[in-house]
Each structure stands twice: as C-alpha cells, then as structure tokens.
C-alpha cells in the first residue's frame, strides 16, 4: 500500500493540509514546473476550479488528466 505524504498550503487565506500518494505529488510537481508555476500556485488554481469536490480528489483527478495527456 502506498503511503500518503501530507503538504500544507494557504488557500483563500486559510491554511489547509492535503495528503496524497507520492506518485500524485510527483505528477503535480512536474506539471507546476512545466507551466512555470509553484506547486502552491497550481494547487490554488485547482482549488479555485474544483466545485464541490474535495481538494484531495480534485488534485488526484488533475494529476490523472495530466498523465493521460502525456501518453
């Protein structure tokens, strides 16, 4: 079973922590670098567009979508 890695961010003026598997963080970090953003800026962008979905789920789905476009 993959272990979760927790990271903290400030979103909309509030601190929040998100726990994801390292594989998802790797994809998100790579995407942030490729788009010239910090990881925090990418997370903030995804947070602003996630609707009612939990942040961790939105991050996983974004990472999955990015991975699919790179195949």
PDB file of N, CA and C in Angstrom:
ATOM      1  N   UNK A   1       0.844  -1.176   0.000  1.00  0.00           N
ATOM      2  CA  UNK A   1       0.000   0.000   0.000  1.00  0.00           C
ATOM      3  C   UNK A   1       0.890   1.239   0.000  1.00  0.00           C
ATOM      4  N   UNK A   2       0.557   2.192  -0.861  1.00  0.00           N
ATOM      5  CA  UNK A   2       1.331   3.433  -0.944  1.00  0.00           C
ATOM      6  C   UNK A   2       1.055   4.303   0.277  1.00  0.00           C
ATOM      7  N   UNK A   3       2.105   4.925   0.769  1.00  0.00           N
ATOM      8  CA  UNK A   3       1.924   5.806   1.919  1.00  0.00           C
ATOM      9  C   UNK A   3       1.582   7.208   1.432  1.00  0.00           C
ATOM     10  N   UNK A   4       0.877   7.926   2.271  1.00  0.00           N
ATOM     11  CA  UNK A   4       0.463   9.279   1.945  1.00  0.00           C
ATOM     12  C   UNK A   4       1.501  10.277   2.429  1.00  0.00           C
ATOM     13  N   UNK A   5       1.675  11.338   1.652  1.00  0.00           N
ATOM     14  CA  UNK A   5       2.556  12.433   2.054  1.00  0.00           C
ATOM     15  C   UNK A   5       1.694  13.676   2.206  1.00  0.00           C
ATOM     16  N   UNK A   6       1.801  14.303   3.341  1.00  0.00           N
ATOM     17  CA  UNK A   6       0.980  15.466   3.648  1.00  0.00           C
ATOM     18  C   UNK A   6       1.755  16.743   3.324  1.00  0.00           C
ATOM     19  N   UNK A   7       1.061  17.694   2.687  1.00  0.00           N
ATOM     20  CA  UNK A   7       1.631  19.014   2.401  1.00  0.00           C
ATOM     21  C   UNK A   7       0.614  20.066   2.812  1.00  0.00           C
ATOM     22  N   UNK A   8       1.119  21.209   3.234  1.00  0.00           N
ATOM     23  CA  UNK A   8       0.259  22.303   3.698  1.00  0.00           C
ATOM     24  C   UNK A   8       0.349  23.486   2.749  1.00  0.00           C
ATOM     25  N   UNK A   9      -0.790  24.154   2.570  1.00  0.00           N
ATOM     26  CA  UNK A   9      -0.897  25.305   1.677  1.00  0.00           C
ATOM     27  C   UNK A   9      -1.793  26.355   2.306  1.00  0.00           C
ATOM     28  N   UNK A  10      -1.633  27.589   1.853  1.00  0.00           N
ATOM     29  CA  UNK A  10      -2.567  28.666   2.203  1.00  0.00           C
ATOM     30  C   UNK A  10      -3.479  28.859   1.009  1.00  0.00           C
ATOM     31  N   UNK A  11      -4.763  28.615   1.205  1.00  0.00           N
ATOM     32  CA  UNK A  11      -5.758  28.766   0.147  1.00  0.00           C
ATOM     33  C   UNK A  11      -6.852  29.696   0.636  1.00  0.00           C
ATOM     34  N   UNK A  12      -7.083  30.754  -0.092  1.00  0.00           N
ATOM     35  CA  UNK A  12      -8.109  31.738   0.270  1.00  0.00           C
ATOM     36  C   UNK A  12      -7.908  32.246   1.691  1.00  0.00           C
ATOM     37  N   UNK A  13      -6.658  32.448   2.073  1.00  0.00           N
ATOM     38  CA  UNK A  13      -6.347  32.991   3.387  1.00  0.00           C
ATOM     39  C   UNK A  13      -6.395  32.003   4.531  1.00  0.00           C
ATOM     40  N   UNK A  14      -6.578  30.728   4.236  1.00  0.00           N
ATOM     41  CA  UNK A  14      -6.646  29.696   5.273  1.00  0.00           C
ATOM     42  C   UNK A  14      -5.602  28.628   5.004  1.00  0.00           C
ATOM     43  N   UNK A  15      -4.980  28.133   6.063  1.00  0.00           N
ATOM     44  CA  UNK A  15      -4.039  27.023   5.930  1.00  0.00           C
ATOM     45  C   UNK A  15      -4.825  25.723   5.832  1.00  0.00           C
ATOM     46  N   UNK A  16      -4.404  24.880   4.930  1.00  0.00           N
ATOM     47  CA  UNK A  16      -5.024  23.571   4.784  1.00  0.00           C
ATOM     48  C   UNK A  16      -3.943  22.550   4.461  1.00  0.00           C
ATOM     49  N   UNK A  17      -4.161  21.333   4.854  1.00  0.00           N
ATOM     50  CA  UNK A  17      -3.232  20.244   4.568  1.00  0.00           C
ATOM     51  C   UNK A  17      -3.915  19.228   3.674  1.00  0.00           C
ATOM     52  N   UNK A  18      -3.132  18.677   2.771  1.00  0.00           N
ATOM     53  CA  UNK A  18      -3.638  17.665   1.840  1.00  0.00           C
ATOM     54  C   UNK A  18      -2.693  16.485   1.869  1.00  0.00           C
ATOM     55  N   UNK A  19      -3.230  15.299   1.983  1.00  0.00           N
ATOM     56  CA  UNK A  19      -2.430  14.071   1.969  1.00  0.00           C
ATOM     57  C   UNK A  19      -2.718  13.311   0.678  1.00  0.00           C
ATOM     58  N   UNK A  20      -1.660  13.098  -0.108  1.00  0.00           N
ATOM     59  CA  UNK A  20      -1.755  12.331  -1.350  1.00  0.00           C
ATOM     60  C   UNK A  20      -0.599  11.346  -1.420  1.00  0.00           C
ATOM     61  N   UNK A  21      -0.752  10.355  -2.259  1.00  0.00           N
ATOM     62  CA  UNK A  21       0.325   9.427  -2.525  1.00  0.00           C
ATOM     63  C   UNK A  21       1.455  10.176  -3.241  1.00  0.00           C
ATOM     64  N   UNK A  22       2.683   9.752  -3.017  1.00  0.00           N
ATOM     65  CA  UNK A  22       3.850  10.420  -3.596  1.00  0.00           C
ATOM     66  C   UNK A  22       3.775  10.483  -5.120  1.00  0.00           C
ATOM     67  N   UNK A  23       3.200   9.462  -5.740  1.00  0.00           N
ATOM     68  CA  UNK A  23       3.093   9.447  -7.202  1.00  0.00           C
ATOM     69  C   UNK A  23       2.270  10.626  -7.717  1.00  0.00           C
ATOM     70  N   UNK A  24       1.207  10.978  -7.009  1.00  0.00           N
ATOM     71  CA  UNK A  24       0.393  12.129  -7.413  1.00  0.00           C
ATOM     72  C   UNK A  24       1.157  13.435  -7.220  1.00  0.00           C
ATOM     73  N   UNK A  25       1.869  13.549  -6.080  1.00  0.00           N
ATOM     74  CA  UNK A  25       2.667  14.758  -5.857  1.00  0.00           C
ATOM     75  C   UNK A  25       3.717  14.908  -6.958  1.00  0.00           C
ATOM     76  N   UNK A  26       4.312  13.814  -7.400  1.00  0.00           N
ATOM     77  CA  UNK A  26       5.336  13.880  -8.445  1.00  0.00           C
ATOM     78  C   UNK A  26       4.751  14.444  -9.741  1.00  0.00           C
ATOM     79  N   UNK A  27       3.576  13.980 -10.122  1.00  0.00           N
ATOM     80  CA  UNK A  27       2.931  14.483 -11.342  1.00  0.00           C
ATOM     81  C   UNK A  27       2.586  15.960 -11.177  1.00  0.00           C
ATOM     82  N   UNK A  28       2.051  16.335 -10.028  1.00  0.00           N
ATOM     83  CA  UNK A  28       1.680  17.730  -9.795  1.00  0.00           C
ATOM     84  C   UNK A  28       2.910  18.635  -9.771  1.00  0.00           C
ATOM     85  N   UNK A  29       3.989  18.187  -9.137  1.00  0.00           N
ATOM     86  CA  UNK A  29       5.233  18.967  -9.137  1.00  0.00           C
ATOM     87  C   UNK A  29       5.756  19.159 -10.556  1.00  0.00           C
ATOM     88  N   UNK A  30       5.735  18.110 -11.346  1.00  0.00           N
ATOM     89  CA  UNK A  30       6.199  18.179 -12.723  1.00  0.00           C
ATOM     90  C   UNK A  30       5.330  19.142 -13.535  1.00  0.00           C
ATOM     91  N   UNK A  31       4.027  19.062 -13.361  1.00  0.00           N
ATOM     92  CA  UNK A  31       3.099  19.951 -14.068  1.00  0.00           C
ATOM     93  C   UNK A  31       3.342  21.410 -13.672  1.00  0.00           C
ATOM     94  N   UNK A  32       3.563  21.648 -12.402  1.00  0.00           N
ATOM     95  CA  UNK A  32       3.834  23.019 -11.944  1.00  0.00           C
ATOM     96  C   UNK A  32       5.096  23.557 -12.619  1.00  0.00           C
ATOM     97  N   UNK A  33       6.144  22.770 -12.653  1.00  0.00           N
ATOM     98  CA  UNK A  33       7.396  23.202 -13.286  1.00  0.00           C
ATOM     99  C   UNK A  33       7.206  23.461 -14.775  1.00  0.00           C
ATOM    100  N   UNK A  34       6.488  22.571 -15.451  1.00  0.00           N
ATOM    101  CA  UNK A  34       6.284  22.711 -16.894  1.00  0.00           C
ATOM    102  C   UNK A  34       5.448  23.936 -17.236  1.00  0.00           C
ATOM    103  N   UNK A  35       4.592  24.358 -16.339  1.00  0.00           N
ATOM    104  CA  UNK A  35       3.744  25.529 -16.591  1.00  0.00           C
ATOM    105  C   UNK A  35       4.307  26.797 -15.961  1.00  0.00           C
ATOM    106  N   UNK A  36       5.485  26.699 -15.365  1.00  0.00           N
ATOM    107  CA  UNK A  36       6.124  27.867 -14.794  1.00  0.00           C
ATOM    108  C   UNK A  36       5.488  28.391 -13.521  1.00  0.00           C
ATOM    109  N   UNK A  37       4.830  27.507 -12.784  1.00  0.00           N
ATOM    110  CA  UNK A  37       4.185  27.885 -11.524  1.00  0.00           C
ATOM    111  C   UNK A  37       4.845  27.160 -10.365  1.00  0.00           C
ATOM    112  N   UNK A  38       4.587  27.669  -9.192  1.00  0.00           N
ATOM    113  CA  UNK A  38       4.959  26.926  -7.989  1.00  0.00           C
ATOM    114  C   UNK A  38       3.893  25.858  -7.759  1.00  0.00           C
ATOM    115  N   UNK A  39       4.227  24.869  -6.962  1.00  0.00           N
ATOM    116  CA  UNK A  39       3.232  23.859  -6.606  1.00  0.00           C
ATOM    117  C   UNK A  39       2.048  24.516  -5.899  1.00  0.00           C
ATOM    118  N   UNK A  40       2.332  25.470  -5.031  1.00  0.00           N
ATOM    119  CA  UNK A  40       1.258  26.168  -4.316  1.00  0.00           C
ATOM    120  C   UNK A  40       0.326  26.889  -5.280  1.00  0.00           C
ATOM    121  N   UNK A  41       0.877  27.514  -6.319  1.00  0.00           N
ATOM    122  CA  UNK A  41       0.049  28.213  -7.303  1.00  0.00           C
ATOM    123  C   UNK A  41      -0.816  27.231  -8.087  1.00  0.00           C
ATOM    124  N   UNK A  42      -0.257  26.072  -8.426  1.00  0.00           N
ATOM    125  CA  UNK A  42      -1.049  25.060  -9.132  1.00  0.00           C
ATOM    126  C   UNK A  42      -2.173  24.544  -8.243  1.00  0.00           C
ATOM    127  N   UNK A  43      -1.873  24.265  -6.993  1.00  0.00           N
ATOM    128  CA  UNK A  43      -2.904  23.795  -6.055  1.00  0.00           C
ATOM    129  C   UNK A  43      -3.991  24.854  -5.897  1.00  0.00           C
ATOM    130  N   UNK A  44      -3.601  26.115  -5.819  1.00  0.00           N
ATOM    131  CA  UNK A  44      -4.578  27.189  -5.691  1.00  0.00           C
ATOM    132  C   UNK A  44      -5.466  27.266  -6.931  1.00  0.00           C
ATOM    133  N   UNK A  45      -4.891  27.092  -8.111  1.00  0.00           N
ATOM    134  CA  UNK A  45      -5.669  27.079  -9.353  1.00  0.00           C
ATOM    135  C   UNK A  45      -6.682  25.931  -9.342  1.00  0.00           C
ATOM    136  N   UNK A  46      -6.224  24.746  -8.997  1.00  0.00           N
ATOM    137  CA  UNK A  46      -7.113  23.574  -8.955  1.00  0.00           C
ATOM    138  C   UNK A  46      -8.198  23.783  -7.907  1.00  0.00           C
ATOM    139  N   UNK A  47      -7.830  24.325  -6.759  1.00  0.00           N
ATOM    140  CA  UNK A  47      -8.804  24.603  -5.701  1.00  0.00           C
ATOM    141  C   UNK A  47      -9.895  25.548  -6.189  1.00  0.00           C
ATOM    142  N   UNK A  48      -9.520  26.542  -6.956  1.00  0.00           N
ATOM    143  CA  UNK A  48     -10.489  27.521  -7.442  1.00  0.00           C
ATOM    144  C   UNK A  48     -11.438  26.976  -8.488  1.00  0.00           C
ATOM    145  N   UNK A  49     -11.120  25.825  -9.058  1.00  0.00           N
ATOM    146  CA  UNK A  49     -11.937  25.247 -10.129  1.00  0.00           C
ATOM    147  C   UNK A  49     -12.538  23.890  -9.777  1.00  0.00           C
ATOM    148  N   UNK A  50     -12.488  23.496  -8.522  1.00  0.00           N
ATOM    149  CA  UNK A  50     -12.891  22.133  -8.156  1.00  0.00           C
ATOM    150  C   UNK A  50     -14.372  21.970  -7.865  1.00  0.00           C
ATOM    151  N   UNK A  51     -15.090  23.060  -7.670  1.00  0.00           N
ATOM    152  CA  UNK A  51     -16.504  22.949  -7.326  1.00  0.00           C
ATOM    153  C   UNK A  51     -16.666  22.288  -5.971  1.00  0.00           C
ATOM    154  N   UNK A  52     -17.684  21.418  -5.821  1.00  0.00           N
ATOM    155  CA  UNK A  52     -17.941  20.802  -4.514  1.00  0.00           C
ATOM    156  C   UNK A  52     -17.041  19.606  -4.186  1.00  0.00           C
ATOM    157  N   UNK A  53     -16.195  19.214  -5.127  1.00  0.00           N
ATOM    158  CA  UNK A  53     -15.321  18.047  -4.940  1.00  0.00           C
ATOM    159  C   UNK A  53     -14.274  18.329  -3.857  1.00  0.00           C
ATOM    160  N   UNK A  54     -13.949  17.370  -3.011  1.00  0.00           N
ATOM    161  CA  UNK A  54     -12.868  17.559  -2.025  1.00  0.00           C
ATOM    162  C   UNK A  54     -11.541  17.886  -2.726  1.00  0.00           C
ATOM    163  N   UNK A  55     -10.716  18.691  -2.082  1.00  0.00           N
ATOM    164  CA  UNK A  55      -9.461  19.120  -2.693  1.00  0.00           C
ATOM    165  C   UNK A  55      -8.564  17.937  -3.052  1.00  0.00           C
ATOM    166  N   UNK A  56      -8.427  16.974  -2.173  1.00  0.00           N
ATOM    167  CA  UNK A  56      -7.566  15.823  -2.471  1.00  0.00           C
ATOM    168  C   UNK A  56      -8.048  15.091  -3.724  1.00  0.00           C
ATOM    169  N   UNK A  57      -9.340  14.935  -3.871  1.00  0.00           N
ATOM    170  CA  UNK A  57      -9.888  14.273  -5.059  1.00  0.00           C
ATOM    171  C   UNK A  57      -9.616  15.099  -6.309  1.00  0.00           C
ATOM    172  N   UNK A  58      -9.799  16.411  -6.212  1.00  0.00           N
ATOM    173  CA  UNK A  58      -9.544  17.291  -7.351  1.00  0.00           C
ATOM    174  C   UNK A  58      -8.086  17.229  -7.773  1.00  0.00           C
ATOM    175  N   UNK A  59      -7.176  17.172  -6.811  1.00  0.00           N
ATOM    176  CA  UNK A  59      -5.758  17.075  -7.134  1.00  0.00           C
ATOM    177  C   UNK A  59      -5.428  15.749  -7.809  1.00  0.00           C
ATOM    178  N   UNK A  60      -5.992  14.665  -7.302  1.00  0.00           N
ATOM    179  CA  UNK A  60      -5.755  13.352  -7.921  1.00  0.00           C
ATOM    180  C   UNK A  60      -6.294  13.315  -9.351  1.00  0.00           C
ATOM    181  N   UNK A  61      -7.494  13.852  -9.556  1.00  0.00           N
ATOM    182  CA  UNK A  61      -8.087  13.840 -10.895  1.00  0.00           C
ATOM    183  C   UNK A  61      -7.298  14.728 -11.854  1.00  0.00           C
ATOM    184  N   UNK A  62      -6.787  15.845 -11.361  1.00  0.00           N
ATOM    185  CA  UNK A  62      -5.960  16.708 -12.208  1.00  0.00           C
ATOM    186  C   UNK A  62      -4.685  15.967 -12.610  1.00  0.00           C
ATOM    187  N   UNK A  63      -4.048  15.322 -11.660  1.00  0.00           N
ATOM    188  CA  UNK A  63      -2.833  14.562 -11.948  1.00  0.00           C
ATOM    189  C   UNK A  63      -3.125  13.443 -12.955  1.00  0.00           C
ATOM    190  N   UNK A  64      -4.250  12.787 -12.809  1.00  0.00           N
ATOM    191  CA  UNK A  64      -4.633  11.733 -13.745  1.00  0.00           C
ATOM    192  C   UNK A  64      -4.835  12.303 -15.144  1.00  0.00           C
ATOM    193  N   UNK A  65      -5.513  13.430 -15.247  1.00  0.00           N
ATOM    194  CA  UNK A  65      -5.746  14.068 -16.538  1.00  0.00           C
ATOM    195  C   UNK A  65      -4.424  14.476 -17.200  1.00  0.00           C
ATOM    196  N   UNK A  66      -3.514  15.026 -16.423  1.00  0.00           N
ATOM    197  CA  UNK A  66      -2.200  15.405 -16.942  1.00  0.00           C
ATOM    198  C   UNK A  66      -1.463  14.170 -17.436  1.00  0.00           C
ATOM    199  N   UNK A  67      -1.503  13.105 -16.679  1.00  0.00           N
ATOM    200  CA  UNK A  67      -0.821  11.869 -17.063  1.00  0.00           C
ATOM    201  C   UNK A  67      -1.387  11.308 -18.353  1.00  0.00           C
ATOM    202  N   UNK A  68      -2.672  11.385 -18.514  1.00  0.00           N
ATOM    203  CA  UNK A  68      -3.312  10.846 -19.724  1.00  0.00           C
ATOM    204  C   UNK A  68      -2.927  11.636 -20.970  1.00  0.00           C
ATOM    205  N   UNK A  69      -2.726  12.949 -20.834  1.00  0.00           N
ATOM    206  CA  UNK A  69      -2.365  13.757 -21.992  1.00  0.00           C
ATOM    207  C   UNK A  69      -0.915  13.564 -22.397  1.00  0.00           C
ATOM    208  N   UNK A  70      -0.112  12.981 -21.530  1.00  0.00           N
ATOM    209  CA  UNK A  70       1.313  12.775 -21.826  1.00  0.00           C
ATOM    210  C   UNK A  70       1.599  11.429 -22.462  1.00  0.00           C
ATOM    211  N   UNK A  71       0.583  10.605 -22.580  1.00  0.00           N
ATOM    212  CA  UNK A  71       0.781   9.255 -23.151  1.00  0.00           C
ATOM    213  C   UNK A  71       0.885   9.339 -24.662  1.00  0.00           C
TER     214      UNK A  71
END
